[in-house]
Structures are given as structure tokens and as C-alpha cells.
């Protein structure tokens, strides 16, 4: 019985050893006795990360290399800003001909009683004085087809 346990442990050690011909990766993953042959080997989250690293795409950085991640993020940000500046410059050049200032129309001066009253003489000048002095007045207007008469009462 002890020989079976010994042979079982020896087979399990040969199955756990990465250099062995009878290596079993599933047992190696779940075994506590697994020895890593290279101590500085990069760690990957899954097989797709490992495969992409083997192909040389270098888009996925192994776990534990924070400096490389930060460097890559800075490079991405710089590239993004550079492309944004180039795009803005192209847009400025593209729409430069449309940004020529159009002739500005002068605002039409509204001609109402309050703007005309400034230059008038007569009863409207009296009305303006009353407005400037804030006097309350009563305007009585009696109109006829031929004449228009206006009376101020204070």
C-alpha cells in the first residue's frame, strides 16, 4: 500500500514537473507542490493573452508590470491629443473660407414717439418736460377730420 502511495506521488511529481515528458497541466495548476522553472517568467491572465504575447503583438502586458502599463497609457493619451489637434487644424483649414465675416447690417432705428420727441417743439416738447420731471398729466385728445387738438391737464 505504501508502494502504491509512493508510486502515485512519484507519478504526480512527474506530472507536475514542467520539464517532465508526462507533464499534466491541469494537475500542475491545482497542485500546491508545483515548481516554476523560471522565477522571472511573466504571468498572464489567460491563454489568449499568452498567445497574443507569443505572436508578438505586445498589446497585452503581463500582470505586475505597472510601469509598462502607465507608459502605454501615457503614449495612448499623447497620441489621442495629437490626433485631436490635427483634426482641429484640418477643420480650421477646411472651413476657413466660410468664416469670412459677412457684412453686418446696421440696426434699424425704431421711430416711435419717444425717439421723435427729442427733436420736436411745441406741445410734444412740453410733454417731454413732463416725462423728464415725472409729472403725471392727463392727455385729452379731441380729433376731427380736419384738425387734431391735444390738451394737457396737470
Foldseek 3Di string as FASTA:
>chain_A
DVVVVVVVVVLLVLCLEPPHPNHDVVSVVPDPPRDDPDPPDFAAPDVVLVVCVVVPPPPDDGPPCVVVVVVVVVVVVVVVVVVVVVVVVVVCVVCVVVPDDDDDDDDDDDDDLVVVLVPDDDPSVVVVVCVVVVHDWDWDWDDDPVDTDIDIGD
